[in-house]
Amino acid sequence: NMLLTVVVFAFSGTYALLFVARTLQGIGSSFSSVAGLGMLASVYTDNYERGRAMGIALGGLALGLLVGAPFGSVMYEFVGKSSPFLILAFLALLDGALQLCILWPSKVSPESAMGTPLLTLLKDPYILVAAGSICLANMGVAILEPTLPIWMMQTMCSPEWQLGLAFLPASVAYLIGTNLFGVLANKMGRWLCSLVGMVAVGISLLC
């Protein structure tokens, strides 16, 4: 899915193709994120180790954001539009090959694979609060991604290579936060970490 997405991004020249590529990217990202975190939760049963492992895993996501935005904008400016996507396609192909070599699928009986029904999960207030918090926290970045580069080009006449660098501070903070709060959450409480994060996101958007 991700390989197909980046190839479409590399060679698309119309809004319809870009829309399709972005849709496929969202689907592929959700699959890998949910499956990856679920795998960590099943492997690391200890509460402390699970929080630490998820912090490290999300740190990998933050590292991708840290490198991706500046790399993409610089490559777009000095090499061409397709170049960052072609490099990403190669990395996605390599990652898929490594996953096939390392994460062999296991045969699980249908009885042991049955989980809690989705409707029951949606009635859980803790799940609703967590889902709402994640949604609101990510909306800030989702709003900035399409609006900030356009504003920079219109008001600051910024070249293309500077557009990705504008997201560098957020990526650095995300990288530090995922590795730091994965450990601190067990000491100060996950609810308090979430509250601090929500307040910080709100203040930053107001500024």
C-alpha atoms as a PDB file:
ATOM      1  CA  ASN A   1       0.000   0.000   0.000  1.00  0.00           C
ATOM      2  CA  MET A   2       2.689   2.499   0.977  1.00  0.00           C
ATOM      3  CA  LEU A   3       4.809   1.559  -2.053  1.00  0.00           C
ATOM      4  CA  LEU A   4       1.865   2.168  -4.380  1.00  0.00           C
ATOM      5  CA  THR A   5       1.084   5.445  -2.631  1.00  0.00           C
ATOM      6  CA  VAL A   6       4.520   6.997  -3.005  1.00  0.00           C
ATOM      7  CA  VAL A   7       4.748   5.901  -6.653  1.00  0.00           C
ATOM      8  CA  VAL A   8       1.425   7.618  -7.369  1.00  0.00           C
ATOM      9  CA  PHE A   9       2.668  10.714  -5.524  1.00  0.00           C
ATOM     10  CA  ALA A  10       5.854  10.727  -7.600  1.00  0.00           C
ATOM     11  CA  PHE A  11       4.152  10.685 -10.990  1.00  0.00           C
ATOM     12  CA  SER A  12       0.763  12.290 -10.318  1.00  0.00           C
ATOM     13  CA  GLY A  13      -0.016  15.541 -12.067  1.00  0.00           C
ATOM     14  CA  THR A  14      -3.702  16.017 -11.328  1.00  0.00           C
ATOM     15  CA  TYR A  15      -5.722  16.740  -8.220  1.00  0.00           C
ATOM     16  CA  ALA A  16      -7.644  13.464  -8.564  1.00  0.00           C
ATOM     17  CA  LEU A  17      -4.474  11.353  -8.470  1.00  0.00           C
ATOM     18  CA  LEU A  18      -3.100  13.323  -5.530  1.00  0.00           C
ATOM     19  CA  PHE A  19      -6.403  12.809  -3.708  1.00  0.00           C
ATOM     20  CA  VAL A  20      -6.269   9.058  -4.346  1.00  0.00           C
ATOM     21  CA  ALA A  21      -2.632   8.875  -3.242  1.00  0.00           C
ATOM     22  CA  ARG A  22      -3.352  10.776  -0.041  1.00  0.00           C
ATOM     23  CA  THR A  23      -6.297   8.496   0.701  1.00  0.00           C
ATOM     24  CA  LEU A  24      -4.190   5.381   0.205  1.00  0.00           C
ATOM     25  CA  GLN A  25      -1.488   6.883   2.404  1.00  0.00           C
ATOM     26  CA  GLY A  26      -3.959   7.439   5.228  1.00  0.00           C
ATOM     27  CA  ILE A  27      -5.268   3.878   4.959  1.00  0.00           C
ATOM     28  CA  GLY A  28      -1.789   2.371   4.874  1.00  0.00           C
ATOM     29  CA  SER A  29      -0.571   4.486   7.773  1.00  0.00           C
ATOM     30  CA  SER A  30      -3.556   3.533   9.917  1.00  0.00           C
ATOM     31  CA  PHE A  31      -3.013  -0.160   9.181  1.00  0.00           C
ATOM     32  CA  SER A  32       0.662  -0.081  10.114  1.00  0.00           C
ATOM     33  CA  SER A  33       0.181   2.135  13.182  1.00  0.00           C
ATOM     34  CA  VAL A  34      -2.668   0.145  14.710  1.00  0.00           C
ATOM     35  CA  ALA A  35      -1.115  -3.232  13.915  1.00  0.00           C
ATOM     36  CA  GLY A  36       2.312  -2.154  15.159  1.00  0.00           C
ATOM     37  CA  LEU A  37       1.076  -0.792  18.476  1.00  0.00           C
ATOM     38  CA  GLY A  38      -1.185  -3.811  18.903  1.00  0.00           C
ATOM     39  CA  MET A  39       1.769  -6.118  18.353  1.00  0.00           C
ATOM     40  CA  LEU A  40       3.793  -4.252  20.976  1.00  0.00           C
ATOM     41  CA  ALA A  41       0.899  -4.424  23.434  1.00  0.00           C
ATOM     42  CA  SER A  42       0.645  -8.201  22.988  1.00  0.00           C
ATOM     43  CA  VAL A  43       4.393  -8.819  23.254  1.00  0.00           C
ATOM     44  CA  TYR A  44       5.107  -6.487  26.206  1.00  0.00           C
ATOM     45  CA  THR A  45       2.549  -7.529  28.803  1.00  0.00           C
ATOM     46  CA  ASP A  46       4.224  -5.677  31.670  1.00  0.00           C
ATOM     47  CA  ASN A  47       2.702  -2.225  32.090  1.00  0.00           C
ATOM     48  CA  TYR A  48       6.030  -0.425  32.521  1.00  0.00           C
ATOM     49  CA  GLU A  49       7.763  -2.207  29.656  1.00  0.00           C
ATOM     50  CA  ARG A  50       4.771  -1.662  27.381  1.00  0.00           C
ATOM     51  CA  GLY A  51       4.804   2.090  27.941  1.00  0.00           C
ATOM     52  CA  ARG A  52       8.531   2.238  27.325  1.00  0.00           C
ATOM     53  CA  ALA A  53       8.283   0.121  24.154  1.00  0.00           C
ATOM     54  CA  MET A  54       5.479   2.238  22.728  1.00  0.00           C
ATOM     55  CA  GLY A  55       7.450   5.383  23.492  1.00  0.00           C
ATOM     56  CA  ILE A  56      10.414   4.031  21.539  1.00  0.00           C
ATOM     57  CA  ALA A  57       8.172   2.950  18.659  1.00  0.00           C
ATOM     58  CA  LEU A  58       6.519   6.360  18.458  1.00  0.00           C
ATOM     59  CA  GLY A  59      10.008   7.831  18.633  1.00  0.00           C
ATOM     60  CA  GLY A  60      10.648   6.084  15.324  1.00  0.00           C
ATOM     61  CA  LEU A  61       7.614   7.862  13.906  1.00  0.00           C
ATOM     62  CA  ALA A  62       8.929  11.144  15.263  1.00  0.00           C
ATOM     63  CA  LEU A  63      12.324  10.471  13.677  1.00  0.00           C
ATOM     64  CA  GLY A  64      10.600  10.005  10.338  1.00  0.00           C
ATOM     65  CA  LEU A  65       8.830  13.333  10.764  1.00  0.00           C
ATOM     66  CA  LEU A  66      12.093  14.945  11.828  1.00  0.00           C
ATOM     67  CA  VAL A  67      13.943  13.801   8.719  1.00  0.00           C
ATOM     68  CA  GLY A  68      11.060  13.669   6.258  1.00  0.00           C
ATOM     69  CA  ALA A  69       9.853  17.263   6.149  1.00  0.00           C
ATOM     70  CA  PRO A  70      13.260  18.968   5.665  1.00  0.00           C
ATOM     71  CA  PHE A  71      14.467  16.182   3.356  1.00  0.00           C
ATOM     72  CA  GLY A  72      11.358  16.369   1.178  1.00  0.00           C
ATOM     73  CA  SER A  73      11.413  20.140   0.846  1.00  0.00           C
ATOM     74  CA  VAL A  74      15.140  20.288   0.038  1.00  0.00           C
ATOM     75  CA  MET A  75      14.881  17.467  -2.517  1.00  0.00           C
ATOM     76  CA  TYR A  76      11.840  19.122  -4.098  1.00  0.00           C
ATOM     77  CA  GLU A  77      13.696  22.418  -4.442  1.00  0.00           C
ATOM     78  CA  PHE A  78      17.044  21.186  -5.736  1.00  0.00           C
ATOM     79  CA  VAL A  79      16.382  17.770  -7.357  1.00  0.00           C
ATOM     80  CA  GLY A  80      12.737  17.601  -8.402  1.00  0.00           C
ATOM     81  CA  LYS A  81       9.247  16.676  -7.271  1.00  0.00           C
ATOM     82  CA  SER A  82       9.544  12.955  -7.892  1.00  0.00           C
ATOM     83  CA  SER A  83      12.924  12.419  -6.214  1.00  0.00           C
ATOM     84  CA  PRO A  84      11.862  12.212  -2.531  1.00  0.00           C
ATOM     85  CA  PHE A  85       8.978   9.885  -3.380  1.00  0.00           C
ATOM     86  CA  LEU A  86      11.177   7.532  -5.414  1.00  0.00           C
ATOM     87  CA  ILE A  87      13.644   7.288  -2.534  1.00  0.00           C
ATOM     88  CA  LEU A  88      10.743   6.663  -0.154  1.00  0.00           C
ATOM     89  CA  ALA A  89       9.415   3.952  -2.497  1.00  0.00           C
ATOM     90  CA  PHE A  90      12.760   2.156  -2.293  1.00  0.00           C
ATOM     91  CA  LEU A  91      12.744   2.417   1.512  1.00  0.00           C
ATOM     92  CA  ALA A  92       9.154   1.109   1.656  1.00  0.00           C
ATOM     93  CA  LEU A  93      10.126  -1.860  -0.517  1.00  0.00           C
ATOM     94  CA  LEU A  94      13.132  -2.569   1.710  1.00  0.00           C
ATOM     95  CA  ASP A  95      10.992  -2.278   4.849  1.00  0.00           C
ATOM     96  CA  GLY A  96       8.431  -4.699   3.438  1.00  0.00           C
ATOM     97  CA  ALA A  97      11.150  -7.226   2.633  1.00  0.00           C
ATOM     98  CA  LEU A  98      12.589  -6.942   6.152  1.00  0.00           C
ATOM     99  CA  GLN A  99       9.150  -7.437   7.694  1.00  0.00           C
ATOM    100  CA  LEU A 100       8.620 -10.587   5.638  1.00  0.00           C
ATOM    101  CA  CYS A 101      11.966 -11.914   6.868  1.00  0.00           C
ATOM    102  CA  ILE A 102      11.491 -11.006  10.544  1.00  0.00           C
ATOM    103  CA  LEU A 103       7.745 -10.974  11.270  1.00  0.00           C
ATOM    104  CA  TRP A 104       6.585 -14.352  10.034  1.00  0.00           C
ATOM    105  CA  PRO A 105       2.772 -14.645  10.249  1.00  0.00           C
ATOM    106  CA  SER A 106       1.590 -17.134  12.840  1.00  0.00           C
ATOM    107  CA  LYS A 107      -1.373 -19.440  12.527  1.00  0.00           C
ATOM    108  CA  VAL A 108      -3.989 -18.436  15.079  1.00  0.00           C
ATOM    109  CA  SER A 109      -7.188 -20.364  15.639  1.00  0.00           C
ATOM    110  CA  PRO A 110     -10.433 -18.388  15.145  1.00  0.00           C
ATOM    111  CA  GLU A 111     -11.447 -18.982  18.756  1.00  0.00           C
ATOM    112  CA  SER A 112      -8.302 -17.382  20.170  1.00  0.00           C
ATOM    113  CA  ALA A 113      -8.457 -14.505  17.674  1.00  0.00           C
ATOM    114  CA  MET A 114     -11.951 -13.379  18.721  1.00  0.00           C
ATOM    115  CA  GLY A 115     -11.891 -10.081  20.576  1.00  0.00           C
ATOM    116  CA  THR A 116     -14.308  -7.614  22.102  1.00  0.00           C
ATOM    117  CA  PRO A 117     -16.997  -6.417  19.659  1.00  0.00           C
ATOM    118  CA  LEU A 118     -16.459  -2.947  18.221  1.00  0.00           C
ATOM    119  CA  LEU A 119     -19.787  -1.659  19.533  1.00  0.00           C
ATOM    120  CA  THR A 120     -18.804  -2.640  23.067  1.00  0.00           C
ATOM    121  CA  LEU A 121     -15.493  -0.826  22.736  1.00  0.00           C
ATOM    122  CA  LEU A 122     -17.246   2.304  21.476  1.00  0.00           C
ATOM    123  CA  LYS A 123     -19.362   2.346  24.642  1.00  0.00           C
ATOM    124  CA  ASP A 124     -16.289   2.388  26.887  1.00  0.00           C
ATOM    125  CA  PRO A 125     -15.846   5.955  28.235  1.00  0.00           C
ATOM    126  CA  TYR A 126     -12.085   5.534  28.613  1.00  0.00           C
ATOM    127  CA  ILE A 127     -11.744   4.593  24.952  1.00  0.00           C
ATOM    128  CA  LEU A 128     -13.940   7.516  23.908  1.00  0.00           C
ATOM    129  CA  VAL A 129     -11.900   9.988  25.958  1.00  0.00           C
ATOM    130  CA  ALA A 130      -8.615   8.600  24.630  1.00  0.00           C
ATOM    131  CA  ALA A 131      -9.858   8.639  21.033  1.00  0.00           C
ATOM    132  CA  GLY A 132     -11.158  12.183  21.403  1.00  0.00           C
ATOM    133  CA  SER A 133      -7.882  13.375  22.902  1.00  0.00           C
ATOM    134  CA  ILE A 134      -5.834  11.800  20.106  1.00  0.00           C
ATOM    135  CA  CYS A 135      -8.178  13.302  17.514  1.00  0.00           C
ATOM    136  CA  LEU A 136      -7.954  16.819  18.942  1.00  0.00           C
ATOM    137  CA  ALA A 137      -4.183  16.633  19.409  1.00  0.00           C
ATOM    138  CA  ASN A 138      -3.636  15.557  15.804  1.00  0.00           C
ATOM    139  CA  MET A 139      -6.055  18.137  14.426  1.00  0.00           C
ATOM    140  CA  GLY A 140      -3.533  20.856  15.266  1.00  0.00           C
ATOM    141  CA  VAL A 141      -0.878  19.337  13.024  1.00  0.00           C
ATOM    142  CA  ALA A 142      -3.484  18.469  10.388  1.00  0.00           C
ATOM    143  CA  ILE A 143      -4.549  22.119  10.205  1.00  0.00           C
ATOM    144  CA  LEU A 144      -0.978  23.417  10.060  1.00  0.00           C
ATOM    145  CA  GLU A 145       0.196  21.078   7.282  1.00  0.00           C
ATOM    146  CA  PRO A 146      -1.953  22.588   4.492  1.00  0.00           C
ATOM    147  CA  THR A 147      -2.176  26.157   5.788  1.00  0.00           C
ATOM    148  CA  LEU A 148       1.300  27.042   7.085  1.00  0.00           C
ATOM    149  CA  PRO A 149       3.223  26.445   3.809  1.00  0.00           C
ATOM    150  CA  ILE A 150       0.679  28.486   1.829  1.00  0.00           C
ATOM    151  CA  TRP A 151       0.842  31.313   4.358  1.00  0.00           C
ATOM    152  CA  MET A 152       4.649  31.275   4.244  1.00  0.00           C
ATOM    153  CA  MET A 153       4.666  31.484   0.443  1.00  0.00           C
ATOM    154  CA  GLN A 154       2.106  34.296   0.353  1.00  0.00           C
ATOM    155  CA  THR A 155       3.386  36.479   3.177  1.00  0.00           C
ATOM    156  CA  MET A 156       7.100  35.621   3.422  1.00  0.00           C
ATOM    157  CA  CYS A 157       7.809  34.571  -0.194  1.00  0.00           C
ATOM    158  CA  SER A 158       9.562  31.505   1.222  1.00  0.00           C
ATOM    159  CA  PRO A 159      11.321  29.130  -1.201  1.00  0.00           C
ATOM    160  CA  GLU A 160      10.239  25.502  -1.293  1.00  0.00           C
ATOM    161  CA  TRP A 161      13.135  24.215   0.801  1.00  0.00           C
ATOM    162  CA  GLN A 162      12.097  26.369   3.787  1.00  0.00           C
ATOM    163  CA  LEU A 163       8.539  25.013   3.897  1.00  0.00           C
ATOM    164  CA  GLY A 164       9.581  21.677   5.371  1.00  0.00           C
ATOM    165  CA  LEU A 165      12.055  23.251   7.773  1.00  0.00           C
ATOM    166  CA  ALA A 166       9.165  25.104   9.434  1.00  0.00           C
ATOM    167  CA  PHE A 167       7.993  21.772  10.879  1.00  0.00           C
ATOM    168  CA  LEU A 168      11.441  20.911  12.253  1.00  0.00           C
ATOM    169  CA  PRO A 169      10.846  22.262  15.821  1.00  0.00           C
ATOM    170  CA  ALA A 170       7.612  20.285  16.133  1.00  0.00           C
ATOM    171  CA  SER A 171       9.357  17.121  14.953  1.00  0.00           C
ATOM    172  CA  VAL A 172      12.206  17.583  17.443  1.00  0.00           C
ATOM    173  CA  ALA A 173       9.738  18.148  20.292  1.00  0.00           C
ATOM    174  CA  TYR A 174       7.757  15.077  19.221  1.00  0.00           C
ATOM    175  CA  LEU A 175      10.906  12.957  19.163  1.00  0.00           C
ATOM    176  CA  ILE A 176      11.906  14.103  22.652  1.00  0.00           C
ATOM    177  CA  GLY A 177       8.392  13.804  24.045  1.00  0.00           C
ATOM    178  CA  THR A 178       7.729  10.250  22.874  1.00  0.00           C
ATOM    179  CA  ASN A 179      10.950   8.934  24.373  1.00  0.00           C
ATOM    180  CA  LEU A 180      10.663  10.995  27.564  1.00  0.00           C
ATOM    181  CA  PHE A 181       7.007  10.559  28.466  1.00  0.00           C
ATOM    182  CA  GLY A 182       7.017   6.860  27.652  1.00  0.00           C
ATOM    183  CA  VAL A 183       9.073   6.480  30.841  1.00  0.00           C
ATOM    184  CA  LEU A 184       7.649   9.385  32.867  1.00  0.00           C
ATOM    185  CA  ALA A 185       4.062   8.249  32.330  1.00  0.00           C
ATOM    186  CA  ASN A 186       4.599   5.353  34.727  1.00  0.00           C
ATOM    187  CA  LYS A 187       5.816   7.737  37.434  1.00  0.00           C
ATOM    188  CA  MET A 188       3.539  10.771  37.076  1.00  0.00           C
ATOM    189  CA  GLY A 189       0.480   9.072  35.581  1.00  0.00           C
ATOM    190  CA  ARG A 190      -0.649   8.732  31.983  1.00  0.00           C
ATOM    191  CA  TRP A 191      -3.648  10.998  32.515  1.00  0.00           C
ATOM    192  CA  LEU A 192      -1.385  13.818  33.714  1.00  0.00           C
ATOM    193  CA  CYS A 193       0.942  13.380  30.733  1.00  0.00           C
ATOM    194  CA  SER A 194      -2.057  13.538  28.406  1.00  0.00           C
ATOM    195  CA  LEU A 195      -3.365  16.649  30.147  1.00  0.00           C
ATOM    196  CA  VAL A 196       0.000  18.414  29.876  1.00  0.00           C
ATOM    197  CA  GLY A 197       0.199  17.499  26.199  1.00  0.00           C
ATOM    198  CA  MET A 198      -3.304  18.774  25.423  1.00  0.00           C
ATOM    199  CA  VAL A 199      -2.638  22.064  27.217  1.00  0.00           C
ATOM    200  CA  ALA A 200       0.675  22.489  25.378  1.00  0.00           C
ATOM    201  CA  VAL A 201      -0.993  21.867  21.999  1.00  0.00           C
ATOM    202  CA  GLY A 202      -3.740  24.374  22.778  1.00  0.00           C
ATOM    203  CA  ILE A 203      -1.301  27.077  23.877  1.00  0.00           C
ATOM    204  CA  SER A 204       0.923  26.566  20.827  1.00  0.00           C
ATOM    205  CA  LEU A 205      -2.024  26.875  18.430  1.00  0.00           C
ATOM    206  CA  LEU A 206      -3.160  30.086  20.122  1.00  0.00           C
ATOM    207  CA  CYS A 207       0.318  31.560  19.749  1.00  0.00           C
END
